[in-house]
N, C-alpha and C. Protein backbone atom coordinates (compact mmCIF):
# COMPACT_ATOMS: atom_id res chain seq x y z
N UNK A 1 29.75 -174.53 86.67
CA UNK A 1 29.10 -174.54 85.38
C UNK A 1 28.53 -175.93 85.13
N UNK A 2 27.38 -175.98 84.48
CA UNK A 2 26.72 -177.24 84.15
C UNK A 2 26.50 -177.31 82.65
N UNK A 3 26.21 -178.50 82.15
CA UNK A 3 25.99 -178.71 80.73
C UNK A 3 24.61 -179.36 80.54
N UNK A 4 23.80 -178.81 79.64
CA UNK A 4 22.44 -179.30 79.41
C UNK A 4 22.41 -180.72 78.84
N UNK A 5 23.53 -181.17 78.27
CA UNK A 5 23.57 -182.50 77.67
C UNK A 5 24.29 -183.53 78.56
N UNK A 6 24.71 -183.10 79.74
CA UNK A 6 25.42 -183.99 80.65
C UNK A 6 24.43 -184.77 81.52
N UNK A 7 24.90 -185.90 82.00
CA UNK A 7 24.15 -186.71 82.98
C UNK A 7 22.77 -187.13 82.51
N UNK A 8 22.67 -187.50 81.25
CA UNK A 8 21.41 -188.04 80.73
C UNK A 8 21.47 -189.56 80.89
N UNK A 9 20.55 -190.13 81.66
CA UNK A 9 20.57 -191.58 81.87
C UNK A 9 20.41 -192.36 80.55
N UNK A 10 21.03 -193.54 80.51
CA UNK A 10 20.91 -194.40 79.33
C UNK A 10 19.46 -194.81 79.08
N UNK A 11 18.75 -195.13 80.15
CA UNK A 11 17.35 -195.54 80.04
C UNK A 11 16.49 -194.60 80.87
N UNK A 12 15.37 -194.21 80.30
CA UNK A 12 14.46 -193.30 80.98
C UNK A 12 13.05 -193.89 80.99
N UNK A 13 12.70 -194.65 82.03
CA UNK A 13 11.34 -195.19 82.07
C UNK A 13 10.30 -194.08 82.22
N UNK A 14 10.70 -192.95 82.78
CA UNK A 14 9.83 -191.78 82.93
C UNK A 14 10.59 -190.55 82.45
N UNK A 15 9.85 -189.54 82.06
CA UNK A 15 10.46 -188.28 81.67
C UNK A 15 11.24 -187.70 82.85
N UNK A 16 12.38 -187.11 82.57
CA UNK A 16 13.23 -186.51 83.60
C UNK A 16 13.05 -185.00 83.56
N UNK A 17 12.63 -184.40 84.67
CA UNK A 17 12.44 -182.95 84.78
C UNK A 17 13.35 -182.42 85.87
N UNK A 18 14.16 -181.43 85.53
CA UNK A 18 15.06 -180.84 86.51
C UNK A 18 14.91 -179.33 86.48
N UNK A 19 14.66 -178.74 87.65
CA UNK A 19 14.59 -177.29 87.76
C UNK A 19 16.02 -176.76 87.80
N UNK A 20 16.35 -175.91 86.83
CA UNK A 20 17.69 -175.34 86.75
C UNK A 20 17.78 -173.99 87.47
N UNK A 21 16.67 -173.28 87.46
CA UNK A 21 16.62 -171.96 88.10
C UNK A 21 15.17 -171.65 88.46
N UNK A 22 14.99 -171.01 89.59
CA UNK A 22 13.64 -170.60 90.01
C UNK A 22 13.81 -169.27 90.73
N UNK A 23 13.67 -168.17 90.00
CA UNK A 23 13.93 -166.84 90.52
C UNK A 23 12.79 -165.90 90.15
N UNK A 24 12.30 -165.16 91.10
CA UNK A 24 11.32 -164.10 90.88
C UNK A 24 10.15 -164.56 90.03
N UNK A 25 9.68 -165.79 90.27
CA UNK A 25 8.52 -166.29 89.55
C UNK A 25 8.82 -166.87 88.18
N UNK A 26 10.07 -166.86 87.76
CA UNK A 26 10.45 -167.45 86.47
C UNK A 26 11.23 -168.73 86.75
N UNK A 27 10.74 -169.84 86.20
CA UNK A 27 11.34 -171.15 86.42
C UNK A 27 11.89 -171.69 85.10
N UNK A 28 13.11 -172.19 85.13
CA UNK A 28 13.75 -172.80 83.96
C UNK A 28 13.95 -174.28 84.25
N UNK A 29 13.49 -175.13 83.33
CA UNK A 29 13.61 -176.57 83.52
C UNK A 29 14.29 -177.22 82.33
N UNK A 30 15.09 -178.23 82.62
CA UNK A 30 15.57 -179.14 81.58
C UNK A 30 14.68 -180.36 81.67
N UNK A 31 14.12 -180.76 80.53
CA UNK A 31 13.26 -181.94 80.46
C UNK A 31 13.90 -182.89 79.46
N UNK A 32 14.01 -184.15 79.83
CA UNK A 32 14.56 -185.15 78.93
C UNK A 32 13.51 -186.24 78.75
N UNK A 33 13.16 -186.49 77.50
CA UNK A 33 12.16 -187.50 77.16
C UNK A 33 12.81 -188.56 76.28
N UNK A 34 12.28 -189.76 76.37
CA UNK A 34 12.77 -190.86 75.52
C UNK A 34 11.58 -191.74 75.15
N UNK A 35 10.76 -191.23 74.23
CA UNK A 35 9.59 -191.97 73.79
C UNK A 35 8.34 -191.69 74.61
N UNK A 36 8.45 -190.87 75.65
CA UNK A 36 7.27 -190.58 76.47
C UNK A 36 6.32 -189.63 75.75
N UNK A 37 5.05 -189.72 76.13
CA UNK A 37 4.03 -188.81 75.63
C UNK A 37 2.98 -188.63 76.73
N UNK A 38 2.10 -187.67 76.54
CA UNK A 38 1.04 -187.45 77.52
C UNK A 38 0.08 -188.64 77.52
N UNK A 39 -0.46 -188.99 78.68
CA UNK A 39 -1.46 -190.06 78.72
C UNK A 39 -2.67 -189.72 77.86
N UNK A 40 -3.31 -190.72 77.33
CA UNK A 40 -4.51 -190.54 76.50
C UNK A 40 -5.53 -189.70 77.26
N UNK A 41 -6.03 -188.66 76.61
CA UNK A 41 -7.05 -187.80 77.20
C UNK A 41 -6.53 -186.73 78.15
N UNK A 42 -5.22 -186.70 78.42
CA UNK A 42 -4.63 -185.71 79.33
C UNK A 42 -4.24 -184.46 78.56
N UNK A 43 -4.55 -183.30 79.14
CA UNK A 43 -4.16 -182.00 78.57
C UNK A 43 -3.47 -181.17 79.65
N UNK A 44 -2.31 -180.60 79.33
CA UNK A 44 -1.72 -179.60 80.21
C UNK A 44 -2.61 -178.36 80.14
N UNK A 45 -2.91 -177.77 81.29
CA UNK A 45 -3.71 -176.55 81.38
C UNK A 45 -3.05 -175.70 82.45
N UNK A 46 -1.94 -175.10 82.09
CA UNK A 46 -1.05 -174.44 83.05
C UNK A 46 -1.48 -173.01 83.34
N UNK A 47 -1.23 -172.58 84.56
CA UNK A 47 -1.54 -171.20 84.95
C UNK A 47 -0.39 -170.26 84.61
N UNK A 48 0.70 -170.78 84.09
CA UNK A 48 1.88 -169.99 83.71
C UNK A 48 2.03 -170.00 82.19
N UNK A 49 2.71 -168.98 81.66
CA UNK A 49 3.14 -169.01 80.27
C UNK A 49 4.33 -169.96 80.20
N UNK A 50 4.49 -170.61 79.05
CA UNK A 50 5.64 -171.51 78.85
C UNK A 50 6.27 -171.23 77.50
N UNK A 51 7.57 -171.02 77.52
CA UNK A 51 8.35 -170.96 76.29
C UNK A 51 9.21 -172.21 76.33
N UNK A 52 9.18 -172.99 75.25
CA UNK A 52 9.91 -174.24 75.25
C UNK A 52 10.64 -174.42 73.92
N UNK A 53 11.83 -174.98 74.00
CA UNK A 53 12.61 -175.28 72.80
C UNK A 53 13.13 -176.71 72.89
N UNK A 54 13.26 -177.33 71.74
CA UNK A 54 13.89 -178.66 71.66
C UNK A 54 15.35 -178.43 71.30
N UNK A 55 16.24 -178.89 72.17
CA UNK A 55 17.67 -178.73 71.93
C UNK A 55 18.26 -179.92 71.17
N UNK A 56 17.66 -181.07 71.40
CA UNK A 56 18.13 -182.31 70.75
C UNK A 56 16.93 -183.25 70.64
N UNK A 57 16.88 -184.03 69.55
CA UNK A 57 15.79 -184.97 69.37
C UNK A 57 14.63 -184.32 68.64
N UNK A 58 13.44 -184.86 68.87
CA UNK A 58 12.23 -184.32 68.22
C UNK A 58 11.02 -184.65 69.06
N UNK A 59 9.95 -183.86 68.84
CA UNK A 59 8.72 -184.04 69.60
C UNK A 59 7.56 -183.48 68.80
N UNK A 60 6.37 -183.92 69.16
CA UNK A 60 5.14 -183.40 68.55
C UNK A 60 4.22 -182.93 69.65
N UNK A 61 3.77 -181.68 69.54
CA UNK A 61 2.79 -181.11 70.46
C UNK A 61 1.46 -181.00 69.75
N UNK A 62 0.38 -181.27 70.46
CA UNK A 62 -0.98 -181.08 69.94
C UNK A 62 -1.69 -180.12 70.88
N UNK A 63 -2.42 -179.18 70.28
CA UNK A 63 -3.19 -178.22 71.04
C UNK A 63 -4.67 -178.57 70.95
N UNK A 64 -5.44 -178.11 71.93
CA UNK A 64 -6.86 -178.44 71.99
C UNK A 64 -7.60 -178.01 70.72
N UNK A 65 -7.11 -176.96 70.04
CA UNK A 65 -7.75 -176.50 68.80
C UNK A 65 -7.31 -177.31 67.58
N UNK A 66 -6.66 -178.46 67.81
CA UNK A 66 -6.19 -179.41 66.79
C UNK A 66 -4.94 -178.97 66.03
N UNK A 67 -4.31 -177.86 66.45
CA UNK A 67 -3.01 -177.52 65.86
C UNK A 67 -2.00 -178.57 66.30
N UNK A 68 -1.14 -178.95 65.37
CA UNK A 68 -0.08 -179.91 65.67
C UNK A 68 1.25 -179.27 65.27
N UNK A 69 2.21 -179.29 66.19
CA UNK A 69 3.53 -178.76 65.91
C UNK A 69 4.55 -179.88 66.04
N UNK A 70 5.30 -180.10 64.97
CA UNK A 70 6.39 -181.07 65.00
C UNK A 70 7.67 -180.28 65.23
N UNK A 71 8.29 -180.52 66.36
CA UNK A 71 9.48 -179.77 66.77
C UNK A 71 10.73 -180.61 66.59
N UNK A 72 11.74 -179.99 66.01
CA UNK A 72 13.06 -180.60 65.89
C UNK A 72 14.06 -179.69 66.58
N UNK A 73 15.29 -180.13 66.70
CA UNK A 73 16.32 -179.35 67.39
C UNK A 73 16.35 -177.93 66.85
N UNK A 74 16.26 -176.97 67.77
CA UNK A 74 16.28 -175.56 67.42
C UNK A 74 14.91 -174.92 67.34
N UNK A 75 13.86 -175.72 67.20
CA UNK A 75 12.50 -175.17 67.14
C UNK A 75 12.05 -174.77 68.54
N UNK A 76 11.27 -173.69 68.61
CA UNK A 76 10.75 -173.26 69.89
C UNK A 76 9.35 -172.70 69.71
N UNK A 77 8.60 -172.65 70.82
CA UNK A 77 7.22 -172.19 70.79
C UNK A 77 6.87 -171.54 72.13
N UNK A 78 6.05 -170.51 72.06
CA UNK A 78 5.50 -169.88 73.26
C UNK A 78 4.08 -170.41 73.44
N UNK A 79 3.79 -170.92 74.62
CA UNK A 79 2.47 -171.45 74.93
C UNK A 79 1.86 -170.57 76.02
N UNK A 80 0.89 -169.72 75.66
CA UNK A 80 0.28 -168.85 76.67
C UNK A 80 -0.41 -169.67 77.77
N UNK A 81 -0.47 -169.07 78.95
CA UNK A 81 -1.18 -169.70 80.07
C UNK A 81 -2.58 -170.11 79.65
N UNK A 82 -3.03 -171.24 80.18
CA UNK A 82 -4.38 -171.79 79.94
C UNK A 82 -4.60 -172.28 78.51
N UNK A 83 -3.54 -172.43 77.74
CA UNK A 83 -3.65 -173.02 76.40
C UNK A 83 -3.48 -174.53 76.56
N UNK A 84 -4.56 -175.26 76.39
CA UNK A 84 -4.49 -176.71 76.59
C UNK A 84 -3.66 -177.34 75.48
N UNK A 85 -2.71 -178.20 75.92
CA UNK A 85 -1.82 -178.87 74.98
C UNK A 85 -1.36 -180.18 75.58
N UNK A 86 -0.81 -181.02 74.72
CA UNK A 86 -0.30 -182.32 75.15
C UNK A 86 0.92 -182.69 74.32
N UNK A 87 1.72 -183.58 74.83
CA UNK A 87 2.86 -184.12 74.09
C UNK A 87 2.38 -185.39 73.41
N UNK A 88 2.32 -185.35 72.09
CA UNK A 88 1.85 -186.52 71.33
C UNK A 88 2.96 -187.54 71.11
N UNK A 89 4.21 -187.04 71.00
CA UNK A 89 5.31 -187.94 70.63
C UNK A 89 6.64 -187.32 71.04
N UNK A 90 7.55 -188.14 71.49
CA UNK A 90 8.97 -187.76 71.61
C UNK A 90 9.78 -188.91 71.02
N UNK A 91 10.92 -188.57 70.50
CA UNK A 91 11.79 -189.55 69.84
C UNK A 91 12.23 -190.64 70.81
N UNK A 92 12.19 -191.87 70.35
CA UNK A 92 12.75 -192.97 71.14
C UNK A 92 14.10 -193.39 70.57
N UNK A 93 14.48 -192.78 69.44
CA UNK A 93 15.77 -193.07 68.80
C UNK A 93 16.92 -192.44 69.59
N UNK A 94 16.71 -191.23 70.06
CA UNK A 94 17.68 -190.52 70.88
C UNK A 94 16.88 -189.70 71.89
N UNK A 95 17.49 -189.38 73.03
CA UNK A 95 16.74 -188.56 74.00
C UNK A 95 16.36 -187.21 73.40
N UNK A 96 15.17 -186.77 73.73
CA UNK A 96 14.73 -185.42 73.38
C UNK A 96 15.03 -184.54 74.58
N UNK A 97 15.85 -183.52 74.36
CA UNK A 97 16.23 -182.60 75.43
C UNK A 97 15.51 -181.28 75.17
N UNK A 98 14.69 -180.89 76.13
CA UNK A 98 13.91 -179.66 76.07
C UNK A 98 14.48 -178.65 77.06
N UNK A 99 14.31 -177.38 76.77
CA UNK A 99 14.55 -176.33 77.74
C UNK A 99 13.25 -175.55 77.82
N UNK A 100 12.66 -175.48 79.01
CA UNK A 100 11.38 -174.81 79.20
C UNK A 100 11.52 -173.67 80.20
N UNK A 101 10.93 -172.54 79.85
CA UNK A 101 10.93 -171.37 80.72
C UNK A 101 9.48 -171.04 81.05
N UNK A 102 9.15 -171.05 82.32
CA UNK A 102 7.79 -170.76 82.78
C UNK A 102 7.79 -169.39 83.44
N UNK A 103 6.81 -168.58 83.07
CA UNK A 103 6.71 -167.24 83.66
C UNK A 103 5.26 -166.97 84.06
N UNK A 104 5.07 -166.09 85.04
CA UNK A 104 3.72 -165.83 85.53
C UNK A 104 2.84 -165.19 84.47
N UNK A 105 1.58 -165.60 84.46
CA UNK A 105 0.59 -164.94 83.62
C UNK A 105 0.21 -163.65 84.33
N UNK A 106 0.02 -162.62 83.58
CA UNK A 106 -0.36 -161.35 84.19
C UNK A 106 -1.76 -161.45 84.75
N UNK A 107 -1.94 -160.95 85.93
CA UNK A 107 -3.27 -160.97 86.53
C UNK A 107 -3.94 -159.63 86.28
N UNK A 108 -5.21 -159.65 86.36
CA UNK A 108 -5.88 -158.39 86.19
C UNK A 108 -7.04 -158.55 85.37
């Protein structure tokens, strides 16, 4: 058994991404941020659907259509494939622990 809050480094110069499970096209990742954000002008444009929740800390997501979501512990969002988005902010006061589930976009 593992714990999502265990083994978080004291200092994180870069975001920490760990694949927890990768089965039948569905990938689960633990992401730990500490003040990191997307580079200026960078947009995620993923070919997979993403469901993500903040377990600890806080973060701000911005979408290409100018929607802004401020996420705190317990908040979650589904991001459909090809929805351009970026991480505007993560807390530097305490690590932000995310749980992200990626699933295939339906083809057709």
